[in-house]
mmCIF file of all heavy atoms, coordinates in Angstrom:
data_MODEL
# 
_entry.id   MODEL 
# 
loop_
_atom_site.group_PDB 
_atom_site.id 
_atom_site.type_symbol 
_atom_site.label_atom_id 
_atom_site.label_alt_id 
_atom_site.label_comp_id 
_atom_site.label_asym_id 
_atom_site.label_entity_id 
_atom_site.label_seq_id 
_atom_site.pdbx_PDB_ins_code 
_atom_site.Cartn_x 
_atom_site.Cartn_y 
_atom_site.Cartn_z 
_atom_site.occupancy 
_atom_site.B_iso_or_equiv 
_atom_site.pdbx_formal_charge 
_atom_site.auth_seq_id 
_atom_site.auth_comp_id 
_atom_site.auth_asym_id 
_atom_site.auth_atom_id 
_atom_site.pdbx_PDB_model_num 
ATOM 1   N N   . MET A 1 1  ? -10.766 13.126 25.368 1.00 0.00 ? 1  MET A N   1 
ATOM 2   C CA  . MET A 1 1  ? -12.229 13.064 25.274 1.00 0.00 ? 1  MET A CA  1 
ATOM 3   C C   . MET A 1 1  ? -12.745 14.044 24.220 1.00 0.00 ? 1  MET A C   1 
ATOM 4   O O   . MET A 1 1  ? -13.673 13.729 23.477 1.00 0.00 ? 1  MET A O   1 
ATOM 5   C CB  . MET A 1 1  ? -12.869 13.358 26.636 1.00 0.00 ? 1  MET A CB  1 
ATOM 6   C CG  . MET A 1 1  ? -12.492 12.355 27.710 1.00 0.00 ? 1  MET A CG  1 
ATOM 7   S SD  . MET A 1 1  ? -12.923 10.662 27.284 1.00 0.00 ? 1  MET A SD  1 
ATOM 8   C CE  . MET A 1 1  ? -14.673 10.733 27.457 1.00 0.00 ? 1  MET A CE  1 
ATOM 9   N N   . LYS A 1 2  ? -12.154 15.225 24.158 1.00 0.00 ? 2  LYS A N   1 
ATOM 10  C CA  . LYS A 1 2  ? -12.543 16.228 23.164 1.00 0.00 ? 2  LYS A CA  1 
ATOM 11  C C   . LYS A 1 2  ? -12.208 15.721 21.756 1.00 0.00 ? 2  LYS A C   1 
ATOM 12  O O   . LYS A 1 2  ? -13.009 15.867 20.824 1.00 0.00 ? 2  LYS A O   1 
ATOM 13  C CB  . LYS A 1 2  ? -11.834 17.550 23.453 1.00 0.00 ? 2  LYS A CB  1 
ATOM 14  C CG  . LYS A 1 2  ? -12.035 18.626 22.425 1.00 0.00 ? 2  LYS A CG  1 
ATOM 15  C CD  . LYS A 1 2  ? -13.419 19.189 22.454 1.00 0.00 ? 2  LYS A CD  1 
ATOM 16  C CE  . LYS A 1 2  ? -13.511 20.360 21.486 1.00 0.00 ? 2  LYS A CE  1 
ATOM 17  N NZ  . LYS A 1 2  ? -14.856 20.629 21.064 1.00 0.00 ? 2  LYS A NZ  1 
ATOM 18  N N   . ILE A 1 3  ? -11.040 15.104 21.618 1.00 0.00 ? 3  ILE A N   1 
ATOM 19  C CA  . ILE A 1 3  ? -10.639 14.568 20.318 1.00 0.00 ? 3  ILE A CA  1 
ATOM 20  C C   . ILE A 1 3  ? -11.576 13.440 19.897 1.00 0.00 ? 3  ILE A C   1 
ATOM 21  O O   . ILE A 1 3  ? -12.010 13.374 18.739 1.00 0.00 ? 3  ILE A O   1 
ATOM 22  C CB  . ILE A 1 3  ? -9.169  14.095 20.363 1.00 0.00 ? 3  ILE A CB  1 
ATOM 23  C CG1 . ILE A 1 3  ? -8.245  15.301 20.606 1.00 0.00 ? 3  ILE A CG1 1 
ATOM 24  C CG2 . ILE A 1 3  ? -8.791  13.373 19.074 1.00 0.00 ? 3  ILE A CG2 1 
ATOM 25  C CD1 . ILE A 1 3  ? -6.818  14.956 20.906 1.00 0.00 ? 3  ILE A CD1 1 
ATOM 26  N N   . THR A 1 4  ? -11.927 12.576 20.835 1.00 0.00 ? 4  THR A N   1 
ATOM 27  C CA  . THR A 1 4  ? -12.866 11.488 20.547 1.00 0.00 ? 4  THR A CA  1 
ATOM 28  C C   . THR A 1 4  ? -14.218 12.047 20.128 1.00 0.00 ? 4  THR A C   1 
ATOM 29  O O   . THR A 1 4  ? -14.848 11.545 19.188 1.00 0.00 ? 4  THR A O   1 
ATOM 30  C CB  . THR A 1 4  ? -13.028 10.570 21.782 1.00 0.00 ? 4  THR A CB  1 
ATOM 31  O OG1 . THR A 1 4  ? -11.739 10.063 22.140 1.00 0.00 ? 4  THR A OG1 1 
ATOM 32  C CG2 . THR A 1 4  ? -13.956 9.429  21.489 1.00 0.00 ? 4  THR A CG2 1 
ATOM 33  N N   . GLU A 1 5  ? -14.655 13.104 20.790 1.00 0.00 ? 5  GLU A N   1 
ATOM 34  C CA  . GLU A 1 5  ? -15.929 13.742 20.447 1.00 0.00 ? 5  GLU A CA  1 
ATOM 35  C C   . GLU A 1 5  ? -15.879 14.320 19.025 1.00 0.00 ? 5  GLU A C   1 
ATOM 36  O O   . GLU A 1 5  ? -16.847 14.204 18.261 1.00 0.00 ? 5  GLU A O   1 
ATOM 37  C CB  . GLU A 1 5  ? -16.268 14.841 21.459 1.00 0.00 ? 5  GLU A CB  1 
ATOM 38  C CG  . GLU A 1 5  ? -17.657 15.391 21.325 1.00 0.00 ? 5  GLU A CG  1 
ATOM 39  C CD  . GLU A 1 5  ? -18.744 14.351 21.532 1.00 0.00 ? 5  GLU A CD  1 
ATOM 40  O OE1 . GLU A 1 5  ? -18.575 13.437 22.354 1.00 0.00 ? 5  GLU A OE1 1 
ATOM 41  O OE2 . GLU A 1 5  ? -19.789 14.456 20.847 1.00 0.00 ? 5  GLU A OE2 1 
ATOM 42  N N   . ILE A 1 6  ? -14.752 14.918 18.665 1.00 0.00 ? 6  ILE A N   1 
ATOM 43  C CA  . ILE A 1 6  ? -14.590 15.448 17.304 1.00 0.00 ? 6  ILE A CA  1 
ATOM 44  C C   . ILE A 1 6  ? -14.690 14.318 16.290 1.00 0.00 ? 6  ILE A C   1 
ATOM 45  O O   . ILE A 1 6  ? -15.363 14.436 15.260 1.00 0.00 ? 6  ILE A O   1 
ATOM 46  C CB  . ILE A 1 6  ? -13.241 16.198 17.172 1.00 0.00 ? 6  ILE A CB  1 
ATOM 47  C CG1 . ILE A 1 6  ? -13.292 17.508 17.955 1.00 0.00 ? 6  ILE A CG1 1 
ATOM 48  C CG2 . ILE A 1 6  ? -12.897 16.446 15.702 1.00 0.00 ? 6  ILE A CG2 1 
ATOM 49  C CD1 . ILE A 1 6  ? -11.949 18.211 18.095 1.00 0.00 ? 6  ILE A CD1 1 
ATOM 50  N N   . ILE A 1 7  ? -14.042 13.201 16.583 1.00 0.00 ? 7  ILE A N   1 
ATOM 51  C CA  . ILE A 1 7  ? -14.086 12.048 15.680 1.00 0.00 ? 7  ILE A CA  1 
ATOM 52  C C   . ILE A 1 7  ? -15.518 11.541 15.535 1.00 0.00 ? 7  ILE A C   1 
ATOM 53  O O   . ILE A 1 7  ? -15.995 11.299 14.422 1.00 0.00 ? 7  ILE A O   1 
ATOM 54  C CB  . ILE A 1 7  ? -13.154 10.927 16.182 1.00 0.00 ? 7  ILE A CB  1 
ATOM 55  C CG1 . ILE A 1 7  ? -11.690 11.371 16.071 1.00 0.00 ? 7  ILE A CG1 1 
ATOM 56  C CG2 . ILE A 1 7  ? -13.375 9.644  15.392 1.00 0.00 ? 7  ILE A CG2 1 
ATOM 57  C CD1 . ILE A 1 7  ? -10.721 10.458 16.780 1.00 0.00 ? 7  ILE A CD1 1 
ATOM 58  N N   . LYS A 1 8  ? -16.206 11.404 16.645 1.00 0.00 ? 8  LYS A N   1 
ATOM 59  C CA  . LYS A 1 8  ? -17.575 10.874 16.618 1.00 0.00 ? 8  LYS A CA  1 
ATOM 60  C C   . LYS A 1 8  ? -18.524 11.768 15.825 1.00 0.00 ? 8  LYS A C   1 
ATOM 61  O O   . LYS A 1 8  ? -19.384 11.286 15.097 1.00 0.00 ? 8  LYS A O   1 
ATOM 62  C CB  . LYS A 1 8  ? -18.113 10.713 18.038 1.00 0.00 ? 8  LYS A CB  1 
ATOM 63  C CG  . LYS A 1 8  ? -17.546 9.542  18.782 1.00 0.00 ? 8  LYS A CG  1 
ATOM 64  C CD  . LYS A 1 8  ? -18.133 9.480  20.177 1.00 0.00 ? 8  LYS A CD  1 
ATOM 65  C CE  . LYS A 1 8  ? -17.573 8.338  20.986 1.00 0.00 ? 8  LYS A CE  1 
ATOM 66  N NZ  . LYS A 1 8  ? -18.113 8.317  22.353 1.00 0.00 ? 8  LYS A NZ  1 
ATOM 67  N N   . THR A 1 9  ? -18.370 13.081 15.964 1.00 0.00 ? 9  THR A N   1 
ATOM 68  C CA  . THR A 1 9  ? -19.324 13.990 15.340 1.00 0.00 ? 9  THR A CA  1 
ATOM 69  C C   . THR A 1 9  ? -18.958 14.384 13.911 1.00 0.00 ? 9  THR A C   1 
ATOM 70  O O   . THR A 1 9  ? -19.850 14.572 13.089 1.00 0.00 ? 9  THR A O   1 
ATOM 71  C CB  . THR A 1 9  ? -19.486 15.279 16.174 1.00 0.00 ? 9  THR A CB  1 
ATOM 72  O OG1 . THR A 1 9  ? -18.216 15.905 16.332 1.00 0.00 ? 9  THR A OG1 1 
ATOM 73  C CG2 . THR A 1 9  ? -20.088 14.975 17.529 1.00 0.00 ? 9  THR A CG2 1 
ATOM 74  N N   . ASP A 1 10 ? -17.677 14.491 13.607 1.00 0.00 ? 10 ASP A N   1 
ATOM 75  C CA  . ASP A 1 10 ? -17.282 15.053 12.312 1.00 0.00 ? 10 ASP A CA  1 
ATOM 76  C C   . ASP A 1 10 ? -16.698 14.047 11.321 1.00 0.00 ? 10 ASP A C   1 
ATOM 77  O O   . ASP A 1 10 ? -16.788 14.253 10.115 1.00 0.00 ? 10 ASP A O   1 
ATOM 78  C CB  . ASP A 1 10 ? -16.262 16.186 12.519 1.00 0.00 ? 10 ASP A CB  1 
ATOM 79  C CG  . ASP A 1 10 ? -16.836 17.345 13.315 1.00 0.00 ? 10 ASP A CG  1 
ATOM 80  O OD1 . ASP A 1 10 ? -18.067 17.476 13.373 1.00 0.00 ? 10 ASP A OD1 1 
ATOM 81  O OD2 . ASP A 1 10 ? -16.042 18.126 13.872 1.00 0.00 ? 10 ASP A OD2 1 
ATOM 82  N N   . TYR A 1 11 ? -16.066 12.990 11.806 1.00 0.00 ? 11 TYR A N   1 
ATOM 83  C CA  . TYR A 1 11 ? -15.382 12.054 10.912 1.00 0.00 ? 11 TYR A CA  1 
ATOM 84  C C   . TYR A 1 11 ? -16.376 11.086 10.269 1.00 0.00 ? 11 TYR A C   1 
ATOM 85  O O   . TYR A 1 11 ? -17.175 10.467 10.957 1.00 0.00 ? 11 TYR A O   1 
ATOM 86  C CB  . TYR A 1 11 ? -14.301 11.282 11.673 1.00 0.00 ? 11 TYR A CB  1 
ATOM 87  C CG  . TYR A 1 11 ? -13.529 10.331 10.798 1.00 0.00 ? 11 TYR A CG  1 
ATOM 88  C CD1 . TYR A 1 11 ? -12.639 10.811 9.858  1.00 0.00 ? 11 TYR A CD1 1 
ATOM 89  C CD2 . TYR A 1 11 ? -13.703 8.958  10.901 1.00 0.00 ? 11 TYR A CD2 1 
ATOM 90  C CE1 . TYR A 1 11 ? -11.929 9.952  9.044  1.00 0.00 ? 11 TYR A CE1 1 
ATOM 91  C CE2 . TYR A 1 11 ? -13.001 8.088  10.095 1.00 0.00 ? 11 TYR A CE2 1 
ATOM 92  C CZ  . TYR A 1 11 ? -12.115 8.585  9.166  1.00 0.00 ? 11 TYR A CZ  1 
ATOM 93  O OH  . TYR A 1 11 ? -11.417 7.736  8.359  1.00 0.00 ? 11 TYR A OH  1 
ATOM 94  N N   . THR A 1 12 ? -16.291 10.979 8.939  1.00 0.00 ? 12 THR A N   1 
ATOM 95  C CA  . THR A 1 12 ? -17.224 10.101 8.221  1.00 0.00 ? 12 THR A CA  1 
ATOM 96  C C   . THR A 1 12 ? -16.507 9.080  7.349  1.00 0.00 ? 12 THR A C   1 
ATOM 97  O O   . THR A 1 12 ? -17.148 8.375  6.583  1.00 0.00 ? 12 THR A O   1 
ATOM 98  C CB  . THR A 1 12 ? -18.163 10.938 7.325  1.00 0.00 ? 12 THR A CB  1 
ATOM 99  O OG1 . THR A 1 12 ? -17.360 11.699 6.405  1.00 0.00 ? 12 THR A OG1 1 
ATOM 100 C CG2 . THR A 1 12 ? -19.040 11.854 8.142  1.00 0.00 ? 12 THR A CG2 1 
ATOM 101 N N   . GLY A 1 13 ? -15.192 8.987  7.460  1.00 0.00 ? 13 GLY A N   1 
ATOM 102 C CA  . GLY A 1 13 ? -14.433 8.084  6.602  1.00 0.00 ? 13 GLY A CA  1 
ATOM 103 C C   . GLY A 1 13 ? -14.332 6.678  7.157  1.00 0.00 ? 13 GLY A C   1 
ATOM 104 O O   . GLY A 1 13 ? -15.104 6.265  8.029  1.00 0.00 ? 13 GLY A O   1 
ATOM 105 N N   . LEU A 1 14 ? -13.353 5.945  6.632  1.00 0.00 ? 14 LEU A N   1 
ATOM 106 C CA  . LEU A 1 14 ? -13.109 4.570  7.057  1.00 0.00 ? 14 LEU A CA  1 
ATOM 107 C C   . LEU A 1 14 ? -12.616 4.536  8.497  1.00 0.00 ? 14 LEU A C   1 
ATOM 108 O O   . LEU A 1 14 ? -11.892 5.428  8.936  1.00 0.00 ? 14 LEU A O   1 
ATOM 109 C CB  . LEU A 1 14 ? -12.056 3.922  6.156  1.00 0.00 ? 14 LEU A CB  1 
ATOM 110 C CG  . LEU A 1 14 ? -12.412 3.763  4.688  1.00 0.00 ? 14 LEU A CG  1 
ATOM 111 C CD1 . LEU A 1 14 ? -11.210 3.260  3.906  1.00 0.00 ? 14 LEU A CD1 1 
ATOM 112 C CD2 . LEU A 1 14 ? -13.579 2.812  4.525  1.00 0.00 ? 14 LEU A CD2 1 
ATOM 113 N N   . LEU A 1 15 ? -12.986 3.494  9.208  1.00 0.00 ? 15 LEU A N   1 
ATOM 114 C CA  . LEU A 1 15 ? -12.550 3.348  10.596 1.00 0.00 ? 15 LEU A CA  1 
ATOM 115 C C   . LEU A 1 15 ? -11.201 2.633  10.628 1.00 0.00 ? 15 LEU A C   1 
ATOM 116 O O   . LEU A 1 15 ? -11.065 1.522  11.134 1.00 0.00 ? 15 LEU A O   1 
ATOM 117 C CB  . LEU A 1 15 ? -13.600 2.597  11.411 1.00 0.00 ? 15 LEU A CB  1 
ATOM 118 C CG  . LEU A 1 15 ? -14.924 3.333  11.576 1.00 0.00 ? 15 LEU A CG  1 
ATOM 119 C CD1 . LEU A 1 15 ? -15.936 2.471  12.298 1.00 0.00 ? 15 LEU A CD1 1 
ATOM 120 C CD2 . LEU A 1 15 ? -14.718 4.645  12.313 1.00 0.00 ? 15 LEU A CD2 1 
ATOM 121 N N   . VAL A 1 16 ? -10.213 3.301  10.057 1.00 0.00 ? 16 VAL A N   1 
ATOM 122 C CA  . VAL A 1 16 ? -8.850  2.810  10.000 1.00 0.00 ? 16 VAL A CA  1 
ATOM 123 C C   . VAL A 1 16 ? -7.964  3.921  10.567 1.00 0.00 ? 16 VAL A C   1 
ATOM 124 O O   . VAL A 1 16 ? -8.124  5.091  10.202 1.00 0.00 ? 16 VAL A O   1 
ATOM 125 C CB  . VAL A 1 16 ? -8.441  2.500  8.534  1.00 0.00 ? 16 VAL A CB  1 
ATOM 126 C CG1 . VAL A 1 16 ? -6.999  2.046  8.443  1.00 0.00 ? 16 VAL A CG1 1 
ATOM 127 C CG2 . VAL A 1 16 ? -9.378  1.479  7.923  1.00 0.00 ? 16 VAL A CG2 1 
ATOM 128 N N   . LYS A 1 17 ? -7.050  3.554  11.444 1.00 0.00 ? 17 LYS A N   1 
ATOM 129 C CA  . LYS A 1 17 ? -6.244  4.566  12.134 1.00 0.00 ? 17 LYS A CA  1 
ATOM 130 C C   . LYS A 1 17 ? -5.535  5.496  11.147 1.00 0.00 ? 17 LYS A C   1 
ATOM 131 O O   . LYS A 1 17 ? -5.542  6.716  11.317 1.00 0.00 ? 17 LYS A O   1 
ATOM 132 C CB  . LYS A 1 17 ? -5.228  3.909  13.064 1.00 0.00 ? 17 LYS A CB  1 
ATOM 133 C CG  . LYS A 1 17 ? -4.389  4.928  13.814 1.00 0.00 ? 17 LYS A CG  1 
ATOM 134 C CD  . LYS A 1 17 ? -3.416  4.299  14.760 1.00 0.00 ? 17 LYS A CD  1 
ATOM 135 C CE  . LYS A 1 17 ? -2.627  5.401  15.452 1.00 0.00 ? 17 LYS A CE  1 
ATOM 136 N NZ  . LYS A 1 17 ? -1.646  4.860  16.384 1.00 0.00 ? 17 LYS A NZ  1 
ATOM 137 N N   . LYS A 1 18 ? -4.926  4.935  10.129 1.00 0.00 ? 18 LYS A N   1 
ATOM 138 C CA  . LYS A 1 18 ? -4.180  5.754  9.165  1.00 0.00 ? 18 LYS A CA  1 
ATOM 139 C C   . LYS A 1 18 ? -5.085  6.797  8.516  1.00 0.00 ? 18 LYS A C   1 
ATOM 140 O O   . LYS A 1 18 ? -4.715  7.972  8.401  1.00 0.00 ? 18 LYS A O   1 
ATOM 141 C CB  . LYS A 1 18 ? -3.556  4.853  8.102  1.00 0.00 ? 18 LYS A CB  1 
ATOM 142 C CG  . LYS A 1 18 ? -2.702  5.576  7.100  1.00 0.00 ? 18 LYS A CG  1 
ATOM 143 C CD  . LYS A 1 18 ? -2.061  4.604  6.130  1.00 0.00 ? 18 LYS A CD  1 
ATOM 144 C CE  . LYS A 1 18 ? -1.254  5.350  5.095  1.00 0.00 ? 18 LYS A CE  1 
ATOM 145 N NZ  . LYS A 1 18 ? -0.638  4.429  4.130  1.00 0.00 ? 18 LYS A NZ  1 
ATOM 146 N N   . GLU A 1 19 ? -6.265  6.396  8.102  1.00 0.00 ? 19 GLU A N   1 
ATOM 147 C CA  . GLU A 1 19 ? -7.201  7.323  7.464  1.00 0.00 ? 19 GLU A CA  1 
ATOM 148 C C   . GLU A 1 19 ? -7.711  8.374  8.449  1.00 0.00 ? 19 GLU A C   1 
ATOM 149 O O   . GLU A 1 19 ? -7.862  9.545  8.105  1.00 0.00 ? 19 GLU A O   1 
ATOM 150 C CB  . GLU A 1 19 ? -8.384  6.556  6.859  1.00 0.00 ? 19 GLU A CB  1 
ATOM 151 C CG  . GLU A 1 19 ? -8.006  5.643  5.714  1.00 0.00 ? 19 GLU A CG  1 
ATOM 152 C CD  . GLU A 1 19 ? -7.388  6.385  4.552  1.00 0.00 ? 19 GLU A CD  1 
ATOM 153 O OE1 . GLU A 1 19 ? -7.886  7.482  4.198  1.00 0.00 ? 19 GLU A OE1 1 
ATOM 154 O OE2 . GLU A 1 19 ? -6.401  5.878  3.992  1.00 0.00 ? 19 GLU A OE2 1 
ATOM 155 N N   . MET A 1 20 ? -7.967  7.939  9.677  1.00 0.00 ? 20 MET A N   1 
ATOM 156 C CA  . MET A 1 20 ? -8.454  8.879  10.691 1.00 0.00 ? 20 MET A CA  1 
ATOM 157 C C   . MET A 1 20 ? -7.388  9.919  11.019 1.00 0.00 ? 20 MET A C   1 
ATOM 158 O O   . MET A 1 20 ? -7.693  11.104 11.163 1.00 0.00 ? 20 MET A O   1 
ATOM 159 C CB  . MET A 1 20 ? -8.874  8.115  11.948 1.00 0.00 ? 20 MET A CB  1 
ATOM 160 C CG  . MET A 1 20 ? -10.082 7.207  11.703 1.00 0.00 ? 20 MET A CG  1 
ATOM 161 S SD  . MET A 1 20 ? -10.425 6.121  13.087 1.00 0.00 ? 20 MET A SD  1 
ATOM 162 C CE  . MET A 1 20 ? -11.494 7.178  14.031 1.00 0.00 ? 20 MET A CE  1 
ATOM 163 N N   . MET A 1 21 ? -6.144  9.485  11.114 1.00 0.00 ? 21 MET A N   1 
ATOM 164 C CA  . MET A 1 21 ? -5.062  10.423 11.418 1.00 0.00 ? 21 MET A CA  1 
ATOM 165 C C   . MET A 1 21 ? -4.821  11.387 10.259 1.00 0.00 ? 21 MET A C   1 
ATOM 166 O O   . MET A 1 21 ? -4.536  12.565 10.470 1.00 0.00 ? 21 MET A O   1 
ATOM 167 C CB  . MET A 1 21 ? -3.770  9.660  11.774 1.00 0.00 ? 21 MET A CB  1 
ATOM 168 C CG  . MET A 1 21 ? -3.818  8.955  13.112 1.00 0.00 ? 21 MET A CG  1 
ATOM 169 S SD  . MET A 1 21 ? -4.214  10.037 14.503 1.00 0.00 ? 21 MET A SD  1 
ATOM 170 C CE  . MET A 1 21 ? -2.829  11.163 14.469 1.00 0.00 ? 21 MET A CE  1 
ATOM 171 N N   . LYS A 1 22 ? -4.964  10.895 9.026  1.00 0.00 ? 22 LYS A N   1 
ATOM 172 C CA  . LYS A 1 22 ? -4.852  11.783 7.862  1.00 0.00 ? 22 LYS A CA  1 
ATOM 173 C C   . LYS A 1 22 ? -5.912  12.872 7.934  1.00 0.00 ? 22 LYS A C   1 
ATOM 174 O O   . LYS A 1 22 ? -5.645  14.039 7.674  1.00 0.00 ? 22 LYS A O   1 
ATOM 175 C CB  . LYS A 1 22 ? -5.026  10.996 6.556  1.00 0.00 ? 22 LYS A CB  1 
ATOM 176 C CG  . LYS A 1 22 ? -3.796  10.352 6.034  1.00 0.00 ? 22 LYS A CG  1 
ATOM 177 C CD  . LYS A 1 22 ? -4.117  9.724  4.669  1.00 0.00 ? 22 LYS A CD  1 
ATOM 178 C CE  . LYS A 1 22 ? -2.984  8.939  4.122  1.00 0.00 ? 22 LYS A CE  1 
ATOM 179 N NZ  . LYS A 1 22 ? -3.307  8.320  2.839  1.00 0.00 ? 22 LYS A NZ  1 
ATOM 180 N N   . TRP A 1 23 ? -7.128  12.466 8.263  1.00 0.00 ? 23 TRP A N   1 
ATOM 181 C CA  . TRP A 1 23 ? -8.231  13.422 8.351  1.00 0.00 ? 23 TRP A CA  1 
ATOM 182 C C   . TRP A 1 23 ? -7.986  14.428 9.476  1.00 0.00 ? 23 TRP A C   1 
ATOM 183 O O   . TRP A 1 23 ? -8.178  15.634 9.286  1.00 0.00 ? 23 TRP A O   1 
ATOM 184 C CB  . TRP A 1 23 ? -9.546  12.671 8.574  1.00 0.00 ? 23 TRP A CB  1 
ATOM 185 C CG  . TRP A 1 23 ? -10.724 13.571 8.653  1.00 0.00 ? 23 TRP A CG  1 
ATOM 186 C CD1 . TRP A 1 23 ? -11.434 14.085 7.604  1.00 0.00 ? 23 TRP A CD1 1 
ATOM 187 C CD2 . TRP A 1 23 ? -11.336 14.092 9.834  1.00 0.00 ? 23 TRP A CD2 1 
ATOM 188 N NE1 . TRP A 1 23 ? -12.443 14.883 8.064  1.00 0.00 ? 23 TRP A NE1 1 
ATOM 189 C CE2 . TRP A 1 23 ? -12.405 14.900 9.439  1.00 0.00 ? 23 TRP A CE2 1 
ATOM 190 C CE3 . TRP A 1 23 ? -11.074 13.946 11.184 1.00 0.00 ? 23 TRP A CE3 1 
ATOM 191 C CZ2 . TRP A 1 23 ? -13.215 15.576 10.346 1.00 0.00 ? 23 TRP A CZ2 1 
ATOM 192 C CZ3 . TRP A 1 23 ? -11.883 14.603 12.096 1.00 0.00 ? 23 TRP A CZ3 1 
ATOM 193 C CH2 . TRP A 1 23 ? -12.943 15.407 11.671 1.00 0.00 ? 23 TRP A CH2 1 
ATOM 194 N N   . LEU A 1 24 ? -7.580  13.949 10.635 1.00 0.00 ? 24 LEU A N   1 
ATOM 195 C CA  . LEU A 1 24 ? -7.299  14.857 11.759 1.00 0.00 ? 24 LEU A CA  1 
ATOM 196 C C   . LEU A 1 24 ? -6.182  15.831 11.411 1.00 0.00 ? 24 LEU A C   1 
ATOM 197 O O   . LEU A 1 24 ? -6.269  17.022 11.723 1.00 0.00 ? 24 LEU A O   1 
ATOM 198 C CB  . LEU A 1 24 ? -6.942  14.061 13.019 1.00 0.00 ? 24 LEU A CB  1 
ATOM 199 C CG  . LEU A 1 24 ? -8.100  13.392 13.742 1.00 0.00 ? 24 LEU A CG  1 
ATOM 200 C CD1 . LEU A 1 24 ? -7.582  12.462 14.827 1.00 0.00 ? 24 LEU A CD1 1 
ATOM 201 C CD2 . LEU A 1 24 ? -9.049  14.424 14.328 1.00 0.00 ? 24 LEU A CD2 1 
# 
């Protein structure tokens, strides 16, 4: 849930798993 919250608030890139994992 904390990780999802971080994604929702801070991540602004493409909604693609590979890109999201690179960012994380």
